[in-house]
Amino acid sequence: MGNVETIDGGPLPIDLEHLSQYTANDLEVTREVLRLFIEQMGEMVEDLRWAIEFDVWKRMAHRLKGSCLGVGAGELADLAVAAEGLDALATPEHSDIVERLGVAAERAARYANQLLEDGSFAG
């Protein structure tokens, strides 16, 4: 669909076919969804990074998962599912998920920004 098939040597962070279906192929809606996703994803990942209350962590992980599933950000959604499934904070697993979420979120944001700049979702 787009003119970018891989990024950073891995699969695309956003499934363009899913995004296209989600936005009913409306380019303006697609642009707005991508803009909101970039903005909100960054906020949610930062909220997760600094969450010290377990119920806040669970709520933010669930919110991030829903947002990612909506736009087709599968890798990030999978990490949000893993975050949501944690039993405790301040563990090695928690630290690992936080780090991986940050990397995946940055990757997804770079890709979404690239889509917005070159319109490669329009194909």
Protein backbone atom coordinates (compact mmCIF):
# COMPACT_ATOMS: atom_id res chain seq x y z
CA MET A 1 0.00 0.00 0.00
CA GLY A 2 2.62 2.55 1.03
CA ASN A 3 6.02 3.02 -0.50
CA VAL A 4 7.78 1.97 2.71
CA GLU A 5 7.90 -1.77 3.29
CA THR A 6 10.25 -1.97 6.25
CA ILE A 7 11.73 0.43 8.73
CA ASP A 8 14.87 -0.16 10.77
CA GLY A 9 15.11 -3.58 9.11
CA GLY A 10 11.90 -4.81 10.75
CA PRO A 11 8.22 -4.99 9.93
CA LEU A 12 6.25 -1.79 9.59
CA PRO A 13 5.21 -0.35 12.95
CA ILE A 14 1.75 0.50 11.58
CA ASP A 15 -0.33 -1.79 9.39
CA LEU A 16 -1.38 0.52 6.56
CA GLU A 17 -4.15 -1.79 5.38
CA HIS A 18 -5.66 -1.86 8.86
CA LEU A 19 -5.30 1.92 9.20
CA SER A 20 -6.95 2.41 5.83
CA GLN A 21 -9.91 0.26 6.87
CA TYR A 22 -10.11 2.00 10.25
CA THR A 23 -10.33 5.41 8.56
CA ALA A 24 -12.54 4.25 5.67
CA ASN A 25 -9.80 5.31 3.21
CA ASP A 26 -10.41 8.96 4.09
CA LEU A 27 -7.02 10.69 3.79
CA GLU A 28 -7.90 13.60 6.07
CA VAL A 29 -9.19 11.24 8.74
CA THR A 30 -6.06 9.12 8.32
CA ARG A 31 -3.84 12.16 8.81
CA GLU A 32 -5.75 13.23 11.92
CA VAL A 33 -5.67 9.70 13.39
CA LEU A 34 -1.91 9.53 12.84
CA ARG A 35 -1.39 12.96 14.43
CA LEU A 36 -3.47 12.02 17.46
CA PHE A 37 -1.76 8.64 17.72
CA ILE A 38 1.69 10.24 17.76
CA GLU A 39 0.67 12.76 20.40
CA GLN A 40 -1.26 10.42 22.65
CA MET A 41 1.12 7.47 22.31
CA GLY A 42 4.02 9.57 23.55
CA GLU A 43 2.00 10.78 26.51
CA MET A 44 0.82 7.28 27.39
CA VAL A 45 4.30 5.78 27.20
CA GLU A 46 5.65 8.56 29.43
CA ASP A 47 2.78 7.99 31.87
CA LEU A 48 3.72 4.31 31.95
CA ARG A 49 7.40 5.12 32.40
CA TRP A 50 6.67 7.16 35.53
CA ALA A 51 3.69 5.25 36.96
CA ILE A 52 4.24 4.30 40.58
CA GLU A 53 0.74 3.05 41.31
CA PHE A 54 -0.17 -0.34 39.94
CA ASP A 55 -3.76 0.59 39.06
CA VAL A 56 -2.52 3.61 37.08
CA TRP A 57 -0.05 1.33 35.26
CA LYS A 58 -2.81 -1.14 34.34
CA ARG A 59 -5.16 1.62 33.17
CA MET A 60 -2.49 3.29 31.02
CA ALA A 61 -1.35 -0.01 29.52
CA HIS A 62 -4.96 -0.82 28.61
CA ARG A 63 -5.45 2.61 27.05
CA LEU A 64 -2.23 2.29 25.05
CA LYS A 65 -3.27 -1.17 23.85
CA GLY A 66 -6.59 0.15 22.56
CA SER A 67 -4.99 3.06 20.78
CA CYS A 68 -2.41 0.82 19.12
CA LEU A 69 -4.96 -1.76 18.04
CA GLY A 70 -7.08 1.00 16.52
CA VAL A 71 -4.35 2.17 14.15
CA GLY A 72 -2.76 -1.22 13.54
CA ALA A 73 0.42 -0.69 15.58
CA GLY A 74 0.80 -4.40 16.31
CA GLU A 75 4.25 -4.52 17.91
CA LEU A 76 3.37 -1.70 20.28
CA ALA A 77 -0.03 -3.27 21.05
CA ASP A 78 1.69 -6.57 21.91
CA LEU A 79 3.99 -4.75 24.31
CA ALA A 80 1.01 -2.97 25.86
CA VAL A 81 -0.66 -6.36 26.37
CA ALA A 82 2.50 -7.58 28.08
CA ALA A 83 2.55 -4.43 30.23
CA GLU A 84 -1.08 -4.93 31.15
CA GLY A 85 -0.30 -8.50 32.20
CA LEU A 86 2.47 -7.62 34.65
CA ASP A 87 1.86 -8.60 38.26
CA ALA A 88 4.05 -5.93 39.87
CA LEU A 89 6.05 -2.80 39.22
CA ALA A 90 9.75 -2.27 40.03
CA THR A 91 10.72 -5.72 38.75
CA PRO A 92 13.14 -6.69 35.98
CA GLU A 93 10.15 -7.53 33.77
CA HIS A 94 8.68 -4.08 34.39
CA SER A 95 11.96 -2.36 33.50
CA ASP A 96 12.28 -4.45 30.35
CA ILE A 97 8.74 -3.63 29.21
CA VAL A 98 9.24 0.09 29.87
CA GLU A 99 12.44 0.08 27.80
CA ARG A 100 10.89 -1.91 24.96
CA LEU A 101 7.78 0.31 24.96
CA GLY A 102 9.97 3.39 24.60
CA VAL A 103 11.89 1.94 21.67
CA ALA A 104 8.75 0.68 19.90
CA ALA A 105 6.91 3.96 20.50
CA GLU A 106 9.77 5.98 19.05
CA ARG A 107 9.90 3.68 16.04
CA ALA A 108 6.13 3.96 15.51
CA ALA A 109 6.25 7.76 15.89
CA ARG A 110 9.08 8.06 13.34
CA TYR A 111 7.14 5.93 10.90
CA ALA A 112 3.86 7.81 11.46
CA ASN A 113 5.67 11.12 10.96
CA GLN A 114 7.22 9.75 7.77
CA LEU A 115 3.75 8.77 6.57
CA LEU A 116 2.46 12.26 7.29
CA GLU A 117 5.42 13.93 5.56
CA ASP A 118 5.48 11.89 2.37
CA GLY A 119 1.86 10.70 2.19
CA SER A 120 2.92 7.08 1.67
CA PHE A 121 -0.35 5.90 3.23
CA ALA A 122 -2.22 7.41 0.29
CA GLY A 123 -1.28 4.63 -2.09
